[in-house]
PDB file of N, CA and C in Angstrom:
ATOM      1  N   MET A   1       7.961  17.644  54.195  1.00  0.00           N
ATOM      2  CA  MET A   1       6.772  18.161  55.449  1.00  0.00           C
ATOM      3  C   MET A   1       6.926  19.470  55.753  1.00  0.00           C
ATOM      4  N   ILE A   2       5.809  20.301  55.990  1.00  0.00           N
ATOM      5  CA  ILE A   2       5.634  21.640  56.343  1.00  0.00           C
ATOM      6  C   ILE A   2       6.087  21.943  57.591  1.00  0.00           C
ATOM      7  N   TYR A   3       7.149  22.984  58.017  1.00  0.00           N
ATOM      8  CA  TYR A   3       7.240  23.274  59.165  1.00  0.00           C
ATOM      9  C   TYR A   3       6.872  24.673  59.619  1.00  0.00           C
ATOM     10  N   PRO A   4       6.152  25.146  60.281  1.00  0.00           N
ATOM     11  CA  PRO A   4       5.568  24.383  61.398  1.00  0.00           C
ATOM     12  C   PRO A   4       4.391  23.713  61.035  1.00  0.00           C
ATOM     13  N   SER A   5       3.900  22.381  61.648  1.00  0.00           N
ATOM     14  CA  SER A   5       2.896  21.622  61.307  1.00  0.00           C
ATOM     15  C   SER A   5       1.393  22.676  61.280  1.00  0.00           C
ATOM     16  N   ILE A   6       0.626  22.458  60.241  1.00  0.00           N
ATOM     17  CA  ILE A   6      -0.575  23.094  60.126  1.00  0.00           C
ATOM     18  C   ILE A   6      -1.550  22.927  61.377  1.00  0.00           C
ATOM     19  N   ASP A   7      -1.512  21.560  61.906  1.00  0.00           N
ATOM     20  CA  ASP A   7      -2.207  20.964  62.819  1.00  0.00           C
ATOM     21  C   ASP A   7      -2.019  21.894  64.168  1.00  0.00           C
ATOM     22  N   LYS A   8      -0.774  22.103  64.314  1.00  0.00           N
ATOM     23  CA  LYS A   8      -0.117  22.822  65.631  1.00  0.00           C
ATOM     24  C   LYS A   8      -0.443  24.299  65.345  1.00  0.00           C
ATOM     25  N   ILE A   9      -0.369  24.775  64.508  1.00  0.00           N
ATOM     26  CA  ILE A   9      -1.061  25.989  64.186  1.00  0.00           C
ATOM     27  C   ILE A   9      -2.396  26.194  64.331  1.00  0.00           C
ATOM     28  N   LEU A  10      -3.237  25.298  64.123  1.00  0.00           N
ATOM     29  CA  LEU A  10      -4.483  25.351  64.323  1.00  0.00           C
ATOM     30  C   LEU A  10      -5.041  25.518  65.656  1.00  0.00           C
ATOM     31  N   ASN A  11      -3.963  25.069  66.661  1.00  0.00           N
ATOM     32  CA  ASN A  11      -4.505  25.277  68.014  1.00  0.00           C
ATOM     33  C   ASN A  11      -4.263  26.811  68.195  1.00  0.00           C
ATOM     34  N   ILE A  12      -3.658  27.351  67.685  1.00  0.00           N
ATOM     35  CA  ILE A  12      -3.300  28.778  67.839  1.00  0.00           C
ATOM     36  C   ILE A  12      -4.559  29.915  67.360  1.00  0.00           C
ATOM     37  N   VAL A  13      -4.942  29.393  65.996  1.00  0.00           N
ATOM     38  CA  VAL A  13      -5.600  30.194  65.191  1.00  0.00           C
ATOM     39  C   VAL A  13      -6.877  29.386  65.138  1.00  0.00           C
ATOM     40  N   ASP A  14      -8.124  29.894  65.081  1.00  0.00           N
ATOM     41  CA  ASP A  14      -9.488  29.165  65.112  1.00  0.00           C
ATOM     42  C   ASP A  14      -9.661  28.546  63.907  1.00  0.00           C
ATOM     43  N   SER A  15      -9.553  29.056  62.506  1.00  0.00           N
ATOM     44  CA  SER A  15      -9.790  28.340  61.297  1.00  0.00           C
ATOM     45  C   SER A  15      -8.653  28.375  60.213  1.00  0.00           C
ATOM     46  N   LYS A  16      -8.737  27.675  59.212  1.00  0.00           N
ATOM     47  CA  LYS A  16      -7.756  27.803  58.159  1.00  0.00           C
ATOM     48  C   LYS A  16      -7.713  29.156  57.670  1.00  0.00           C
ATOM     49  N   TYR A  17      -9.241  29.553  57.360  1.00  0.00           N
ATOM     50  CA  TYR A  17      -9.348  30.749  56.795  1.00  0.00           C
ATOM     51  C   TYR A  17      -8.727  31.773  57.337  1.00  0.00           C
ATOM     52  N   ALA A  18      -8.832  32.110  58.717  1.00  0.00           N
ATOM     53  CA  ALA A  18      -8.191  33.146  59.385  1.00  0.00           C
ATOM     54  C   ALA A  18      -6.546  32.950  59.264  1.00  0.00           C
ATOM     55  N   LEU A  19      -5.983  31.751  59.101  1.00  0.00           N
ATOM     56  CA  LEU A  19      -4.629  31.631  59.191  1.00  0.00           C
ATOM     57  C   LEU A  19      -4.200  32.054  57.956  1.00  0.00           C
ATOM     58  N   VAL A  20      -4.968  31.686  56.722  1.00  0.00           N
ATOM     59  CA  VAL A  20      -4.487  32.168  55.143  1.00  0.00           C
ATOM     60  C   VAL A  20      -4.491  33.611  55.477  1.00  0.00           C
ATOM     61  N   TYR A  21      -5.465  34.596  55.835  1.00  0.00           N
ATOM     62  CA  TYR A  21      -5.416  35.824  55.928  1.00  0.00           C
ATOM     63  C   TYR A  21      -4.435  36.311  56.557  1.00  0.00           C
ATOM     64  N   ILE A  22      -4.238  35.827  57.927  1.00  0.00           N
ATOM     65  CA  ILE A  22      -3.188  36.419  58.780  1.00  0.00           C
ATOM     66  C   ILE A  22      -1.713  36.095  57.966  1.00  0.00           C
ATOM     67  N   VAL A  23      -1.280  34.922  57.735  1.00  0.00           N
ATOM     68  CA  VAL A  23      -0.136  34.794  57.008  1.00  0.00           C
ATOM     69  C   VAL A  23       0.221  35.251  55.641  1.00  0.00           C
ATOM     70  N   SER A  24      -0.796  35.523  54.882  1.00  0.00           N
ATOM     71  CA  SER A  24      -0.801  36.351  53.742  1.00  0.00           C
ATOM     72  C   SER A  24      -0.560  37.589  53.875  1.00  0.00           C
ATOM     73  N   ASP A  25      -1.022  38.375  54.698  1.00  0.00           N
ATOM     74  CA  ASP A  25      -0.775  39.777  55.220  1.00  0.00           C
ATOM     75  C   ASP A  25       0.532  40.121  55.674  1.00  0.00           C
ATOM     76  N   ARG A  26       0.972  39.252  56.783  1.00  0.00           N
ATOM     77  CA  ARG A  26       2.083  39.152  57.133  1.00  0.00           C
ATOM     78  C   ARG A  26       3.293  39.065  56.029  1.00  0.00           C
ATOM     79  N   SER A  27       3.055  38.076  55.281  1.00  0.00           N
ATOM     80  CA  SER A  27       4.129  37.601  54.001  1.00  0.00           C
ATOM     81  C   SER A  27       4.251  39.243  53.221  1.00  0.00           C
ATOM     82  N   LYS A  28       3.192  39.855  52.857  1.00  0.00           N
ATOM     83  CA  LYS A  28       3.043  40.979  52.118  1.00  0.00           C
ATOM     84  C   LYS A  28       3.917  41.992  52.711  1.00  0.00           C
ATOM     85  N   GLN A  29       3.887  42.052  53.995  1.00  0.00           N
ATOM     86  CA  GLN A  29       4.381  43.357  54.987  1.00  0.00           C
ATOM     87  C   GLN A  29       5.832  42.957  54.773  1.00  0.00           C
ATOM     88  N   MET A  30       6.376  41.577  54.916  1.00  0.00           N
ATOM     89  CA  MET A  30       7.734  41.092  54.956  1.00  0.00           C
ATOM     90  C   MET A  30       8.328  41.538  53.485  1.00  0.00           C
ATOM     91  N   THR A  31       7.648  41.541  52.675  1.00  0.00           N
ATOM     92  CA  THR A  31       8.189  41.632  51.087  1.00  0.00           C
ATOM     93  C   THR A  31       8.339  43.117  50.897  1.00  0.00           C
ATOM     94  N   LYS A  32       7.148  43.868  51.311  1.00  0.00           N
ATOM     95  CA  LYS A  32       7.135  45.439  51.207  1.00  0.00           C
ATOM     96  C   LYS A  32       8.042  46.154  51.976  1.00  0.00           C
ATOM     97  N   THR A  33       8.375  45.821  53.646  1.00  0.00           N
ATOM     98  CA  THR A  33       9.307  46.596  54.290  1.00  0.00           C
ATOM     99  C   THR A  33      10.579  45.884  54.696  1.00  0.00           C
ATOM    100  N   GLY A  34      10.485  44.593  54.260  1.00  0.00           N
ATOM    101  CA  GLY A  34      11.692  43.738  54.553  1.00  0.00           C
ATOM    102  C   GLY A  34      12.338  43.528  56.030  1.00  0.00           C
ATOM    103  N   TYR A  35      11.133  43.710  56.912  1.00  0.00           N
ATOM    104  CA  TYR A  35      11.263  43.795  58.386  1.00  0.00           C
ATOM    105  C   TYR A  35      11.050  42.176  58.818  1.00  0.00           C
ATOM    106  N   TYR A  36      11.996  41.681  59.635  1.00  0.00           N
ATOM    107  CA  TYR A  36      11.582  40.378  60.002  1.00  0.00           C
ATOM    108  C   TYR A  36      11.402  40.405  61.626  1.00  0.00           C
ATOM    109  N   GLN A  37      10.753  39.670  62.176  1.00  0.00           N
ATOM    110  CA  GLN A  37      10.813  39.728  63.730  1.00  0.00           C
ATOM    111  C   GLN A  37      11.746  38.761  64.262  1.00  0.00           C
ATOM    112  N   MET A  38      12.547  37.999  63.591  1.00  0.00           N
ATOM    113  CA  MET A  38      13.647  37.159  64.106  1.00  0.00           C
ATOM    114  C   MET A  38      14.879  37.313  63.367  1.00  0.00           C
ATOM    115  N   PRO A  39      16.052  37.066  63.568  1.00  0.00           N
ATOM    116  CA  PRO A  39      17.307  37.087  62.694  1.00  0.00           C
ATOM    117  C   PRO A  39      16.972  36.263  61.706  1.00  0.00           C
ATOM    118  N   ILE A  40      17.174  36.698  60.424  1.00  0.00           N
ATOM    119  CA  ILE A  40      16.962  35.926  59.513  1.00  0.00           C
ATOM    120  C   ILE A  40      17.529  34.343  59.281  1.00  0.00           C
ATOM    121  N   GLN A  41      18.510  34.180  59.999  1.00  0.00           N
ATOM    122  CA  GLN A  41      19.302  32.949  59.819  1.00  0.00           C
ATOM    123  C   GLN A  41      18.443  31.981  60.874  1.00  0.00           C
ATOM    124  N   ASN A  42      17.420  32.547  61.564  1.00  0.00           N
ATOM    125  CA  ASN A  42      16.667  31.624  62.460  1.00  0.00           C
ATOM    126  C   ASN A  42      15.724  31.073  61.928  1.00  0.00           C
ATOM    127  N   TYR A  43      15.167  31.416  60.778  1.00  0.00           N
ATOM    128  CA  TYR A  43      13.958  30.904  60.047  1.00  0.00           C
ATOM    129  C   TYR A  43      14.625  29.744  59.273  1.00  0.00           C
ATOM    130  N   LYS A  44      13.586  28.685  59.277  1.00  0.00           N
ATOM    131  CA  LYS A  44      13.646  27.487  58.695  1.00  0.00           C
ATOM    132  C   LYS A  44      13.415  27.647  57.103  1.00  0.00           C
ATOM    133  N   SER A  45      12.365  28.385  56.682  1.00  0.00           N
ATOM    134  CA  SER A  45      11.898  28.475  55.473  1.00  0.00           C
ATOM    135  C   SER A  45      12.614  29.673  54.650  1.00  0.00           C
ATOM    136  N   SER A  46      12.662  29.534  53.369  1.00  0.00           N
ATOM    137  CA  SER A  46      13.523  30.570  52.770  1.00  0.00           C
ATOM    138  C   SER A  46      12.350  31.476  52.067  1.00  0.00           C
ATOM    139  N   LYS A  47      11.072  31.207  52.303  1.00  0.00           N
ATOM    140  CA  LYS A  47       9.965  32.095  51.689  1.00  0.00           C
ATOM    141  C   LYS A  47       9.334  33.010  52.891  1.00  0.00           C
ATOM    142  N   ASN A  48       8.835  33.793  52.341  1.00  0.00           N
ATOM    143  CA  ASN A  48       8.004  34.914  53.354  1.00  0.00           C
ATOM    144  C   ASN A  48       7.039  34.325  53.972  1.00  0.00           C
ATOM    145  N   ILE A  49       6.121  33.375  52.951  1.00  0.00           N
ATOM    146  CA  ILE A  49       5.234  32.859  53.488  1.00  0.00           C
ATOM    147  C   ILE A  49       5.284  31.946  54.489  1.00  0.00           C
ATOM    148  N   GLY A  50       6.473  31.025  54.418  1.00  0.00           N
ATOM    149  CA  GLY A  50       6.975  29.869  55.460  1.00  0.00           C
ATOM    150  C   GLY A  50       7.197  30.750  56.583  1.00  0.00           C
ATOM    151  N   ARG A  51       8.063  31.824  56.560  1.00  0.00           N
ATOM    152  CA  ARG A  51       8.431  32.532  57.831  1.00  0.00           C
ATOM    153  C   ARG A  51       7.404  33.297  58.459  1.00  0.00           C
ATOM    154  N   ALA A  52       6.217  33.733  57.453  1.00  0.00           N
ATOM    155  CA  ALA A  52       5.097  33.855  58.593  1.00  0.00           C
ATOM    156  C   ALA A  52       4.269  33.034  59.199  1.00  0.00           C
ATOM    157  N   LEU A  53       4.304  31.726  58.771  1.00  0.00           N
ATOM    158  CA  LEU A  53       3.814  30.662  59.347  1.00  0.00           C
ATOM    159  C   LEU A  53       4.676  30.428  60.838  1.00  0.00           C
ATOM    160  N   GLU A  54       5.855  30.487  60.469  1.00  0.00           N
ATOM    161  CA  GLU A  54       6.824  30.282  61.786  1.00  0.00           C
ATOM    162  C   GLU A  54       6.503  31.292  62.839  1.00  0.00           C
ATOM    163  N   GLU A  55       6.285  32.618  62.280  1.00  0.00           N
ATOM    164  CA  GLU A  55       6.300  33.816  63.388  1.00  0.00           C
ATOM    165  C   GLU A  55       4.676  33.515  64.019  1.00  0.00           C
ATOM    166  N   VAL A  56       3.789  32.919  63.226  1.00  0.00           N
ATOM    167  CA  VAL A  56       2.494  32.604  63.960  1.00  0.00           C
ATOM    168  C   VAL A  56       2.897  31.497  65.196  1.00  0.00           C
ATOM    169  N   TYR A  57       3.380  30.408  64.776  1.00  0.00           N
ATOM    170  CA  TYR A  57       3.816  29.244  65.731  1.00  0.00           C
ATOM    171  C   TYR A  57       4.516  29.878  66.708  1.00  0.00           C
ATOM    172  N   GLU A  58       5.442  30.736  66.732  1.00  0.00           N
ATOM    173  CA  GLU A  58       6.340  31.204  67.775  1.00  0.00           C
ATOM    174  C   GLU A  58       5.816  31.936  68.687  1.00  0.00           C
ATOM    175  N   GLY A  59       4.490  32.643  68.191  1.00  0.00           N
ATOM    176  CA  GLY A  59       3.801  33.567  69.196  1.00  0.00           C
ATOM    177  C   GLY A  59       4.434  34.942  68.953  1.00  0.00           C
ATOM    178  N   LEU A  60       5.054  35.161  67.743  1.00  0.00           N
ATOM    179  CA  LEU A  60       5.390  36.395  67.553  1.00  0.00           C
ATOM    180  C   LEU A  60       4.464  37.308  66.986  1.00  0.00           C
ATOM    181  N   ILE A  61       3.253  36.629  66.307  1.00  0.00           N
ATOM    182  CA  ILE A  61       2.101  37.377  65.777  1.00  0.00           C
ATOM    183  C   ILE A  61       1.116  37.013  66.515  1.00  0.00           C
ATOM    184  N   HIS A  62       0.412  37.878  67.452  1.00  0.00           N
ATOM    185  CA  HIS A  62      -0.906  37.507  68.262  1.00  0.00           C
ATOM    186  C   HIS A  62      -2.219  37.436  67.433  1.00  0.00           C
ATOM    187  N   VAL A  63      -2.841  36.628  67.707  1.00  0.00           N
ATOM    188  CA  VAL A  63      -3.916  36.312  67.249  1.00  0.00           C
ATOM    189  C   VAL A  63      -5.293  36.464  68.221  1.00  0.00           C
ATOM    190  N   ASN A  64      -6.261  37.402  68.165  1.00  0.00           N
ATOM    191  CA  ASN A  64      -7.311  37.628  68.992  1.00  0.00           C
ATOM    192  C   ASN A  64      -8.392  36.757  68.344  1.00  0.00           C
ATOM    193  N   LYS A  65      -8.961  36.027  69.263  1.00  0.00           N
ATOM    194  CA  LYS A  65      -9.825  35.009  69.059  1.00  0.00           C
ATOM    195  C   LYS A  65     -11.370  35.655  69.363  1.00  0.00           C
ATOM    196  N   LYS A  66     -12.310  35.460  68.392  1.00  0.00           N
ATOM    197  CA  LYS A  66     -13.544  35.789  68.710  1.00  0.00           C
ATOM    198  C   LYS A  66     -14.325  34.978  69.744  1.00  0.00           C
ATOM    199  N   MET A  67     -15.343  35.530  70.363  1.00  0.00           N
ATOM    200  CA  MET A  67     -15.835  34.834  71.383  1.00  0.00           C
ATOM    201  C   MET A  67     -17.315  34.564  70.995  1.00  0.00           C
TER     202      MET A  67
END
């Protein structure tokens, strides 16, 4: 099972497409800079893509919704 659940994250982000864009961009940033918003041991995922999902779920990445 994926943590965090995609259904829970879609309450934060409007669409799956926007989620993919946000998470892939953040994952690339993590790989390039090595900067993580939480201590590395607090992440449940070992891969950057999962860590980016966790950051969105925890509210560390703010998503502006269109009106």
